[in-house]
Amino acid sequence: MCLGEDTSLPGRRLIERNKVLETGDIYSIPARRMNVAGANTFIRKDWLDKPGLPVPTTREEWTDALRAFKK
C-alpha cells in the first residue's frame, strides 16, 4: 500500500533515507511486530546500589526507588 505524502508519518525521515523506488513512492507491508521493550520496565542497578535499594518487585517499591532517585 502506498503511504502517499503524509508528512506526519512517524519515522518519515528514516523511510525517506531508505526508499529505493525510482518513482519516489513509499510502500509499506502492514505487520504486527513484537516490541518486547514496550511491555517492560527497566531500571539501572547502579542507581539502586547507590542508596542501597533492592530491585523493585512491586509498584510501591518502584515508587520508593523513584523517590529515592529524586533526593
C-alpha atoms as a PDB file:
ATOM      1  CA  MET A   1       0.000   0.000   0.000  1.00  0.00           C
ATOM      2  CA  CYS A   2       1.388   3.377  -0.952  1.00  0.00           C
ATOM      3  CA  LEU A   3       1.866   5.679   2.039  1.00  0.00           C
ATOM      4  CA  GLY A   4       1.499   8.791  -0.095  1.00  0.00           C
ATOM      5  CA  GLU A   5       2.721  12.180   1.021  1.00  0.00           C
ATOM      6  CA  ASP A   6       1.681  12.047   4.686  1.00  0.00           C
ATOM      7  CA  THR A   7       4.393  14.172   6.318  1.00  0.00           C
ATOM      8  CA  SER A   8       3.113  13.394   9.825  1.00  0.00           C
ATOM      9  CA  LEU A   9       4.004   9.716   9.406  1.00  0.00           C
ATOM     10  CA  PRO A  10       6.226   8.647  12.342  1.00  0.00           C
ATOM     11  CA  GLY A  11       9.718   7.803  11.128  1.00  0.00           C
ATOM     12  CA  ARG A  12       9.143   9.578   7.815  1.00  0.00           C
ATOM     13  CA  ARG A  13      12.773  10.783   7.602  1.00  0.00           C
ATOM     14  CA  LEU A  14      14.089   7.265   8.202  1.00  0.00           C
ATOM     15  CA  ILE A  15      11.802   5.936   5.493  1.00  0.00           C
ATOM     16  CA  GLU A  16      12.828   8.727   3.101  1.00  0.00           C
ATOM     17  CA  ARG A  17      16.517   7.881   3.574  1.00  0.00           C
ATOM     18  CA  ASN A  18      15.904   4.209   2.867  1.00  0.00           C
ATOM     19  CA  LYS A  19      13.465   4.330  -0.030  1.00  0.00           C
ATOM     20  CA  VAL A  20      14.736   2.621  -3.139  1.00  0.00           C
ATOM     21  CA  LEU A  21      11.941   3.010  -5.661  1.00  0.00           C
ATOM     22  CA  GLU A  22      12.750   5.142  -8.687  1.00  0.00           C
ATOM     23  CA  THR A  23       9.222   6.581  -8.641  1.00  0.00           C
ATOM     24  CA  GLY A  24       9.753   8.036  -5.165  1.00  0.00           C
ATOM     25  CA  ASP A  25       6.667   6.247  -3.808  1.00  0.00           C
ATOM     26  CA  ILE A  26       6.994   4.716  -0.359  1.00  0.00           C
ATOM     27  CA  TYR A  27       5.330   1.373   0.277  1.00  0.00           C
ATOM     28  CA  SER A  28       4.659  -0.489   3.486  1.00  0.00           C
ATOM     29  CA  ILE A  29       3.613  -4.028   4.327  1.00  0.00           C
ATOM     30  CA  PRO A  30       1.415  -3.876   7.432  1.00  0.00           C
ATOM     31  CA  ALA A  31       2.645  -6.306  10.067  1.00  0.00           C
ATOM     32  CA  ARG A  32       2.283  -6.909  13.759  1.00  0.00           C
ATOM     33  CA  ARG A  33       5.692  -6.615  15.332  1.00  0.00           C
ATOM     34  CA  MET A  34       6.628  -7.730  18.803  1.00  0.00           C
ATOM     35  CA  ASN A  35       8.175  -4.931  20.825  1.00  0.00           C
ATOM     36  CA  VAL A  36       9.489  -6.552  23.966  1.00  0.00           C
ATOM     37  CA  ALA A  37      10.861  -3.321  25.418  1.00  0.00           C
ATOM     38  CA  GLY A  38       7.469  -1.628  25.147  1.00  0.00           C
ATOM     39  CA  ALA A  39       5.892  -4.068  27.600  1.00  0.00           C
ATOM     40  CA  ASN A  40       8.602  -3.972  30.263  1.00  0.00           C
ATOM     41  CA  THR A  41      10.020  -1.525  32.744  1.00  0.00           C
ATOM     42  CA  PHE A  42      13.754  -1.135  33.118  1.00  0.00           C
ATOM     43  CA  ILE A  43      15.807   0.306  35.959  1.00  0.00           C
ATOM     44  CA  ARG A  44      19.537   0.847  36.324  1.00  0.00           C
ATOM     45  CA  LYS A  45      21.000  -1.408  39.005  1.00  0.00           C
ATOM     46  CA  ASP A  46      23.831   1.035  39.740  1.00  0.00           C
ATOM     47  CA  TRP A  47      21.208   3.683  40.576  1.00  0.00           C
ATOM     48  CA  LEU A  48      19.633   1.266  43.066  1.00  0.00           C
ATOM     49  CA  ASP A  49      23.004   0.366  44.570  1.00  0.00           C
ATOM     50  CA  LYS A  50      23.893   3.972  45.460  1.00  0.00           C
ATOM     51  CA  PRO A  51      21.042   4.420  48.015  1.00  0.00           C
ATOM     52  CA  GLY A  52      21.182   0.691  48.893  1.00  0.00           C
ATOM     53  CA  LEU A  53      17.780  -0.217  47.448  1.00  0.00           C
ATOM     54  CA  PRO A  54      16.744  -3.714  46.315  1.00  0.00           C
ATOM     55  CA  VAL A  55      15.454  -4.348  42.799  1.00  0.00           C
ATOM     56  CA  PRO A  56      11.777  -3.336  42.997  1.00  0.00           C
ATOM     57  CA  THR A  57       9.231  -6.128  42.624  1.00  0.00           C
ATOM     58  CA  THR A  58       6.081  -4.174  43.483  1.00  0.00           C
ATOM     59  CA  ARG A  59       4.621  -0.860  42.394  1.00  0.00           C
ATOM     60  CA  GLU A  60       5.205   0.524  45.893  1.00  0.00           C
ATOM     61  CA  GLU A  61       8.904  -0.452  45.799  1.00  0.00           C
ATOM     62  CA  TRP A  62       9.176   1.110  42.343  1.00  0.00           C
ATOM     63  CA  THR A  63       7.679   4.367  43.620  1.00  0.00           C
ATOM     64  CA  ASP A  64      10.013   4.319  46.637  1.00  0.00           C
ATOM     65  CA  ALA A  65      13.012   3.867  44.324  1.00  0.00           C
ATOM     66  CA  LEU A  66      11.941   6.774  42.110  1.00  0.00           C
ATOM     67  CA  ARG A  67      11.519   8.982  45.170  1.00  0.00           C
ATOM     68  CA  ALA A  68      14.993   7.986  46.382  1.00  0.00           C
ATOM     69  CA  PHE A  69      16.484   8.895  42.980  1.00  0.00           C
ATOM     70  CA  LYS A  70      14.857  12.312  43.168  1.00  0.00           C
ATOM     71  CA  LYS A  71      16.527  13.144  46.522  1.00  0.00           C
END
